[in-house]
Amino acid sequence: MTKREQQRCSNTRNRKTSPAARLKFYVLIGIAVVIVCTGFFVAAGQHFWSMDYGIKNSRLRKQLDDLETEKRRLLLSREVSVSPGQVKQAAKRLGITGLNGKLRSLPRSSRHRPIAHLPRRRSRIRSRPSRSIPL
């Protein structure tokens, strides 16, 4: 036998594997395919989750912009409503003007105290009704 024939025989011997070894190889390939497919599904799930998160985020940003616009509008309307001209017009509508046409002012003591510091009227709370007619 020549060297070439000996080489050819040794290669064929290595290629002949037992069925148990082939089964092991196929199981290993199957596990690798399952892992790769699972990775693709996990990546797809994360992709769609991030898309949903982005949509919710943009919706909340739009709502925030709308609320800030509404806040600016309300602050402007409050400033306009407490302007001296508007206060005088409201007082005339409610009939709070004095004899000479000027606004009547509040007494000095209550004008400078905040509402929270005004004395509160305390009422007595009864747990059961009082009996007025004796039994």
N, C-alpha and C. Protein backbone atom coordinates (compact mmCIF):
# COMPACT_ATOMS: atom_id res chain seq x y z
N MET A 1 0.82 -1.18 0.00
CA MET A 1 0.00 0.00 0.00
C MET A 1 0.86 1.24 0.00
N THR A 2 0.40 2.11 -0.78
CA THR A 2 1.14 3.35 -0.86
C THR A 2 0.67 4.30 0.24
N LYS A 3 1.41 5.36 0.37
CA LYS A 3 1.06 6.35 1.39
C LYS A 3 -0.32 6.96 1.14
N ARG A 4 -0.59 7.17 -0.12
CA ARG A 4 -1.85 7.78 -0.48
C ARG A 4 -3.02 6.89 -0.08
N GLU A 5 -2.92 5.64 -0.33
CA GLU A 5 -3.99 4.73 0.03
C GLU A 5 -4.12 4.62 1.53
N GLN A 6 -3.04 4.65 2.23
CA GLN A 6 -3.10 4.58 3.68
C GLN A 6 -3.79 5.82 4.26
N GLN A 7 -3.50 6.97 3.67
CA GLN A 7 -4.14 8.20 4.11
C GLN A 7 -5.63 8.14 3.87
N ARG A 8 -6.05 7.64 2.72
CA ARG A 8 -7.45 7.55 2.38
C ARG A 8 -8.19 6.63 3.35
N CYS A 9 -7.58 5.54 3.72
CA CYS A 9 -8.19 4.60 4.66
C CYS A 9 -8.32 5.21 6.04
N SER A 10 -7.33 5.94 6.49
CA SER A 10 -7.40 6.54 7.82
C SER A 10 -8.49 7.62 7.88
N ASN A 11 -8.68 8.36 6.78
CA ASN A 11 -9.73 9.37 6.75
C ASN A 11 -11.11 8.73 6.85
N THR A 12 -11.32 7.62 6.17
CA THR A 12 -12.62 6.97 6.20
C THR A 12 -12.88 6.36 7.56
N ARG A 13 -11.86 5.93 8.23
CA ARG A 13 -12.06 5.38 9.57
C ARG A 13 -12.53 6.47 10.54
N ASN A 14 -12.00 7.66 10.39
CA ASN A 14 -12.40 8.77 11.27
C ASN A 14 -13.83 9.23 10.98
N ARG A 15 -14.24 9.06 9.76
CA ARG A 15 -15.59 9.50 9.41
C ARG A 15 -16.66 8.55 9.91
N LYS A 16 -16.33 7.35 10.07
CA LYS A 16 -17.31 6.39 10.55
C LYS A 16 -17.45 6.56 12.06
N THR A 17 -18.60 7.11 12.47
CA THR A 17 -18.84 7.32 13.90
C THR A 17 -20.01 6.45 14.33
N SER A 18 -20.06 6.22 15.57
CA SER A 18 -21.13 5.36 16.10
C SER A 18 -22.45 6.14 16.13
N PRO A 19 -23.58 5.44 16.12
CA PRO A 19 -24.88 6.12 16.18
C PRO A 19 -25.05 6.93 17.47
N ALA A 20 -24.46 6.52 18.56
CA ALA A 20 -24.57 7.27 19.82
C ALA A 20 -23.87 8.62 19.69
N ALA A 21 -22.74 8.65 19.02
CA ALA A 21 -22.01 9.90 18.84
C ALA A 21 -22.78 10.84 17.92
N ARG A 22 -23.38 10.25 16.86
CA ARG A 22 -24.20 11.09 15.97
C ARG A 22 -25.39 11.68 16.71
N LEU A 23 -26.04 10.87 17.52
CA LEU A 23 -27.20 11.33 18.29
C LEU A 23 -26.79 12.47 19.23
N LYS A 24 -25.65 12.32 19.86
CA LYS A 24 -25.13 13.37 20.75
C LYS A 24 -24.91 14.67 19.97
N PHE A 25 -24.35 14.54 18.77
CA PHE A 25 -24.09 15.71 17.93
C PHE A 25 -25.40 16.40 17.52
N TYR A 26 -26.41 15.60 17.13
CA TYR A 26 -27.70 16.17 16.72
C TYR A 26 -28.42 16.84 17.88
N VAL A 27 -28.33 16.25 19.04
CA VAL A 27 -28.94 16.86 20.23
C VAL A 27 -28.26 18.19 20.55
N LEU A 28 -26.96 18.22 20.45
CA LEU A 28 -26.20 19.44 20.70
C LEU A 28 -26.58 20.54 19.70
N ILE A 29 -26.70 20.16 18.42
CA ILE A 29 -27.12 21.12 17.39
C ILE A 29 -28.55 21.60 17.68
N GLY A 30 -29.42 20.69 18.06
CA GLY A 30 -30.81 21.07 18.39
C GLY A 30 -30.87 22.05 19.54
N ILE A 31 -30.09 21.82 20.59
CA ILE A 31 -30.06 22.74 21.73
C ILE A 31 -29.55 24.12 21.30
N ALA A 32 -28.53 24.15 20.46
CA ALA A 32 -28.00 25.43 19.98
C ALA A 32 -29.06 26.19 19.18
N VAL A 33 -29.81 25.47 18.32
CA VAL A 33 -30.87 26.12 17.53
C VAL A 33 -31.96 26.67 18.43
N VAL A 34 -32.34 25.91 19.46
CA VAL A 34 -33.37 26.37 20.41
C VAL A 34 -32.90 27.63 21.13
N ILE A 35 -31.63 27.65 21.53
CA ILE A 35 -31.10 28.84 22.23
C ILE A 35 -31.11 30.06 21.31
N VAL A 36 -30.71 29.87 20.07
CA VAL A 36 -30.70 31.00 19.12
C VAL A 36 -32.12 31.49 18.85
N CYS A 37 -33.07 30.57 18.67
CA CYS A 37 -34.46 30.98 18.43
C CYS A 37 -35.05 31.69 19.64
N THR A 38 -34.73 31.21 20.83
CA THR A 38 -35.19 31.88 22.05
C THR A 38 -34.63 33.29 22.13
N GLY A 39 -33.38 33.45 21.76
CA GLY A 39 -32.78 34.79 21.74
C GLY A 39 -33.50 35.72 20.79
N PHE A 40 -33.88 35.20 19.61
CA PHE A 40 -34.62 36.04 18.67
C PHE A 40 -35.98 36.45 19.24
N PHE A 41 -36.67 35.51 19.90
CA PHE A 41 -37.97 35.86 20.48
C PHE A 41 -37.84 36.86 21.62
N VAL A 42 -36.81 36.71 22.44
CA VAL A 42 -36.58 37.67 23.53
C VAL A 42 -36.27 39.04 22.95
N ALA A 43 -35.44 39.09 21.92
CA ALA A 43 -35.10 40.38 21.30
C ALA A 43 -36.34 41.02 20.68
N ALA A 44 -37.20 40.21 20.04
CA ALA A 44 -38.43 40.76 19.46
C ALA A 44 -39.34 41.30 20.56
N GLY A 45 -39.44 40.56 21.68
CA GLY A 45 -40.26 41.04 22.80
C GLY A 45 -39.76 42.36 23.34
N GLN A 46 -38.45 42.48 23.51
CA GLN A 46 -37.88 43.73 24.00
C GLN A 46 -38.09 44.87 23.01
N HIS A 47 -38.02 44.56 21.72
CA HIS A 47 -38.25 45.59 20.70
C HIS A 47 -39.67 46.13 20.81
N PHE A 48 -40.66 45.25 20.87
CA PHE A 48 -42.04 45.71 20.92
C PHE A 48 -42.36 46.38 22.25
N TRP A 49 -41.72 45.90 23.34
CA TRP A 49 -41.92 46.55 24.63
C TRP A 49 -41.38 47.98 24.58
N SER A 50 -40.20 48.17 23.98
CA SER A 50 -39.63 49.52 23.92
C SER A 50 -40.45 50.43 23.00
N MET A 51 -41.02 49.87 21.94
CA MET A 51 -41.89 50.67 21.06
C MET A 51 -43.13 51.14 21.84
N ASP A 52 -43.73 50.24 22.61
CA ASP A 52 -44.90 50.59 23.41
C ASP A 52 -44.54 51.64 24.45
N TYR A 53 -43.38 51.47 25.08
CA TYR A 53 -42.89 52.42 26.07
C TYR A 53 -42.70 53.81 25.44
N GLY A 54 -42.14 53.85 24.24
CA GLY A 54 -41.95 55.13 23.54
C GLY A 54 -43.26 55.81 23.21
N ILE A 55 -44.25 55.02 22.78
CA ILE A 55 -45.56 55.59 22.45
C ILE A 55 -46.20 56.17 23.70
N LYS A 56 -46.15 55.43 24.82
CA LYS A 56 -46.72 55.95 26.07
C LYS A 56 -45.98 57.20 26.53
N ASN A 57 -44.66 57.21 26.35
CA ASN A 57 -43.85 58.36 26.74
C ASN A 57 -44.24 59.59 25.93
N SER A 58 -44.43 59.43 24.62
CA SER A 58 -44.79 60.58 23.80
C SER A 58 -46.19 61.07 24.15
N ARG A 59 -47.10 60.13 24.48
CA ARG A 59 -48.45 60.53 24.88
C ARG A 59 -48.41 61.34 26.17
N LEU A 60 -47.57 60.91 27.12
CA LEU A 60 -47.45 61.65 28.38
C LEU A 60 -46.78 63.00 28.19
N ARG A 61 -45.82 63.09 27.28
CA ARG A 61 -45.20 64.39 27.00
C ARG A 61 -46.20 65.36 26.40
N LYS A 62 -47.05 64.86 25.51
CA LYS A 62 -48.09 65.71 24.92
C LYS A 62 -49.05 66.18 26.00
N GLN A 63 -49.43 65.27 26.90
CA GLN A 63 -50.34 65.64 27.99
C GLN A 63 -49.67 66.68 28.90
N LEU A 64 -48.38 66.53 29.15
CA LEU A 64 -47.66 67.50 29.97
C LEU A 64 -47.65 68.87 29.30
N ASP A 65 -47.41 68.91 27.99
CA ASP A 65 -47.44 70.18 27.26
C ASP A 65 -48.82 70.82 27.33
N ASP A 66 -49.87 70.01 27.18
CA ASP A 66 -51.24 70.54 27.26
C ASP A 66 -51.52 71.11 28.64
N LEU A 67 -51.06 70.40 29.69
CA LEU A 67 -51.30 70.88 31.05
C LEU A 67 -50.51 72.16 31.34
N GLU A 68 -49.29 72.25 30.82
CA GLU A 68 -48.53 73.48 31.01
C GLU A 68 -49.18 74.65 30.29
N THR A 69 -49.72 74.41 29.11
CA THR A 69 -50.43 75.46 28.38
C THR A 69 -51.66 75.91 29.15
N GLU A 70 -52.40 74.93 29.69
CA GLU A 70 -53.59 75.25 30.48
C GLU A 70 -53.21 76.04 31.74
N LYS A 71 -52.08 75.68 32.36
CA LYS A 71 -51.62 76.39 33.55
C LYS A 71 -51.29 77.84 33.20
N ARG A 72 -50.59 78.05 32.08
CA ARG A 72 -50.28 79.42 31.66
C ARG A 72 -51.55 80.23 31.40
N ARG A 73 -52.53 79.58 30.76
CA ARG A 73 -53.79 80.27 30.46
C ARG A 73 -54.52 80.64 31.76
N LEU A 74 -54.54 79.72 32.73
CA LEU A 74 -55.22 80.01 33.99
C LEU A 74 -54.49 81.09 34.80
N LEU A 75 -53.16 81.08 34.78
CA LEU A 75 -52.42 82.14 35.49
C LEU A 75 -52.70 83.51 34.87
N LEU A 76 -52.77 83.54 33.53
CA LEU A 76 -53.07 84.80 32.86
C LEU A 76 -54.47 85.27 33.20
N SER A 77 -55.43 84.35 33.21
CA SER A 77 -56.81 84.76 33.52
C SER A 77 -56.91 85.21 34.98
N ARG A 78 -56.13 84.59 35.89
CA ARG A 78 -56.15 85.02 37.28
C ARG A 78 -55.57 86.42 37.41
N GLU A 79 -54.48 86.69 36.69
CA GLU A 79 -53.89 88.03 36.75
C GLU A 79 -54.85 89.08 36.21
N VAL A 80 -55.55 88.74 35.15
CA VAL A 80 -56.51 89.69 34.59
C VAL A 80 -57.67 89.90 35.55
N SER A 81 -58.14 88.82 36.20
CA SER A 81 -59.31 88.95 37.07
C SER A 81 -59.01 89.72 38.35
N VAL A 82 -57.77 89.74 38.81
CA VAL A 82 -57.45 90.48 40.03
C VAL A 82 -56.90 91.87 39.73
N SER A 83 -56.95 92.29 38.48
CA SER A 83 -56.51 93.64 38.15
C SER A 83 -57.51 94.64 38.74
N PRO A 84 -57.06 95.84 39.08
CA PRO A 84 -57.95 96.82 39.73
C PRO A 84 -59.21 97.13 38.92
N GLY A 85 -59.08 97.21 37.61
CA GLY A 85 -60.27 97.51 36.79
C GLY A 85 -61.30 96.40 36.87
N GLN A 86 -60.85 95.17 36.82
CA GLN A 86 -61.78 94.04 36.90
C GLN A 86 -62.42 93.94 38.28
N VAL A 87 -61.64 94.24 39.33
CA VAL A 87 -62.20 94.20 40.68
C VAL A 87 -63.28 95.26 40.84
N LYS A 88 -63.05 96.46 40.30
CA LYS A 88 -64.06 97.52 40.39
C LYS A 88 -65.33 97.14 39.63
N GLN A 89 -65.16 96.54 38.45
CA GLN A 89 -66.34 96.13 37.69
C GLN A 89 -67.13 95.05 38.43
N ALA A 90 -66.45 94.11 39.04
CA ALA A 90 -67.13 93.06 39.79
C ALA A 90 -67.83 93.64 41.01
N ALA A 91 -67.20 94.61 41.66
CA ALA A 91 -67.82 95.23 42.83
C ALA A 91 -69.07 96.01 42.43
N LYS A 92 -69.02 96.67 41.29
CA LYS A 92 -70.21 97.40 40.83
C LYS A 92 -71.33 96.43 40.52
N ARG A 93 -71.00 95.31 39.90
CA ARG A 93 -72.04 94.31 39.59
C ARG A 93 -72.67 93.76 40.85
N LEU A 94 -71.87 93.59 41.91
CA LEU A 94 -72.40 93.03 43.15
C LEU A 94 -72.98 94.10 44.08
N GLY A 95 -72.80 95.35 43.74
CA GLY A 95 -73.35 96.44 44.56
C GLY A 95 -72.55 96.73 45.80
N ILE A 96 -71.27 96.63 45.75
CA ILE A 96 -70.43 96.87 46.92
C ILE A 96 -69.85 98.28 46.91
N THR A 97 -70.29 99.14 46.06
CA THR A 97 -69.76 100.50 46.02
C THR A 97 -70.41 101.34 47.10
N GLY A 98 -69.68 102.34 47.58
CA GLY A 98 -70.18 103.23 48.62
C GLY A 98 -71.05 104.34 48.02
N LEU A 99 -71.38 105.33 48.82
CA LEU A 99 -72.24 106.43 48.39
C LEU A 99 -71.55 107.31 47.35
N ASN A 100 -70.28 107.53 47.49
CA ASN A 100 -69.57 108.42 46.58
C ASN A 100 -69.06 107.68 45.34
N GLY A 101 -69.38 106.40 45.18
CA GLY A 101 -68.98 105.66 43.99
C GLY A 101 -67.66 104.92 44.14
N LYS A 102 -67.00 105.09 45.29
CA LYS A 102 -65.75 104.38 45.52
C LYS A 102 -66.04 103.06 46.22
N LEU A 103 -65.09 102.15 46.11
CA LEU A 103 -65.26 100.85 46.75
C LEU A 103 -65.11 100.99 48.25
N ARG A 104 -65.98 100.28 48.96
CA ARG A 104 -65.83 100.24 50.41
C ARG A 104 -64.73 99.25 50.73
N SER A 105 -63.92 99.58 51.70
CA SER A 105 -62.83 98.68 52.07
C SER A 105 -63.24 97.86 53.29
N LEU A 106 -62.53 96.77 53.48
CA LEU A 106 -62.76 95.93 54.65
C LEU A 106 -62.17 96.61 55.88
N PRO A 107 -62.63 96.25 57.06
CA PRO A 107 -62.01 96.82 58.26
C PRO A 107 -60.53 96.47 58.30
N ARG A 108 -59.77 97.37 58.86
CA ARG A 108 -58.32 97.24 58.82
C ARG A 108 -57.83 95.96 59.49
N SER A 109 -58.45 95.53 60.57
CA SER A 109 -57.94 94.37 61.30
C SER A 109 -58.09 93.08 60.47
N SER A 110 -59.16 92.93 59.74
CA SER A 110 -59.35 91.67 59.01
C SER A 110 -58.70 91.70 57.62
N ARG A 111 -58.36 92.88 57.12
CA ARG A 111 -57.79 92.96 55.79
C ARG A 111 -56.38 92.39 55.75
N HIS A 112 -55.61 92.55 56.81
CA HIS A 112 -54.21 92.14 56.79
C HIS A 112 -53.99 90.74 57.35
N ARG A 113 -55.01 90.14 57.97
CA ARG A 113 -54.84 88.80 58.50
C ARG A 113 -55.26 87.77 57.45
N PRO A 114 -54.47 86.73 57.27
CA PRO A 114 -54.88 85.70 56.33
C PRO A 114 -56.09 84.93 56.87
N ILE A 115 -56.79 84.30 55.99
CA ILE A 115 -58.01 83.59 56.37
C ILE A 115 -57.71 82.46 57.35
N ALA A 116 -56.58 81.83 57.23
CA ALA A 116 -56.25 80.70 58.10
C ALA A 116 -56.14 81.12 59.56
N HIS A 117 -55.84 82.41 59.84
CA HIS A 117 -55.67 82.85 61.21
C HIS A 117 -56.95 83.44 61.80
N LEU A 118 -58.02 83.48 61.06
CA LEU A 118 -59.27 83.97 61.61
C LEU A 118 -59.78 82.97 62.64
N PRO A 119 -60.43 83.44 63.69
CA PRO A 119 -60.93 82.49 64.70
C PRO A 119 -62.03 81.62 64.10
N ARG A 120 -62.01 80.37 64.50
CA ARG A 120 -63.02 79.43 63.99
C ARG A 120 -64.13 79.27 65.01
N ARG A 121 -65.31 79.10 64.50
CA ARG A 121 -66.45 78.87 65.38
C ARG A 121 -66.47 77.40 65.71
N ARG A 122 -66.44 77.10 66.98
CA ARG A 122 -66.42 75.71 67.39
C ARG A 122 -67.84 75.26 67.70
N SER A 123 -68.18 74.15 67.14
CA SER A 123 -69.50 73.61 67.41
C SER A 123 -69.35 72.32 68.20
N ARG A 124 -70.35 72.04 68.99
CA ARG A 124 -70.32 70.85 69.81
C ARG A 124 -70.96 69.71 69.04
N ILE A 125 -70.28 68.61 68.95
CA ILE A 125 -70.81 67.45 68.24
C ILE A 125 -71.33 66.46 69.27
N ARG A 126 -72.58 66.09 69.10
CA ARG A 126 -73.18 65.15 70.03
C ARG A 126 -73.27 63.79 69.37
N SER A 127 -72.94 62.77 70.15
CA SER A 127 -72.98 61.44 69.58
C SER A 127 -74.39 60.87 69.58
N ARG A 128 -75.24 61.27 70.56
CA ARG A 128 -76.64 60.82 70.53
C ARG A 128 -77.54 62.01 70.81
N PRO A 129 -78.74 61.95 70.32
CA PRO A 129 -79.65 63.10 70.52
C PRO A 129 -80.02 63.26 72.00
N SER A 130 -80.22 64.51 72.37
CA SER A 130 -80.60 64.79 73.76
C SER A 130 -82.08 64.49 73.94
N ARG A 131 -82.43 64.05 75.16
CA ARG A 131 -83.83 63.73 75.43
C ARG A 131 -84.49 64.94 76.07
N SER A 132 -85.48 65.43 75.40
CA SER A 132 -86.18 66.58 75.95
C SER A 132 -87.40 66.16 76.77
N ILE A 133 -87.96 65.00 76.46
CA ILE A 133 -89.13 64.52 77.21
C ILE A 133 -88.69 63.33 78.07
N PRO A 134 -88.84 63.44 79.39
CA PRO A 134 -88.44 62.33 80.25
C PRO A 134 -89.39 61.14 80.08
N LEU A 135 -88.90 59.96 80.19
CA LEU A 135 -89.72 58.77 80.05
C LEU A 135 -90.20 58.26 81.35
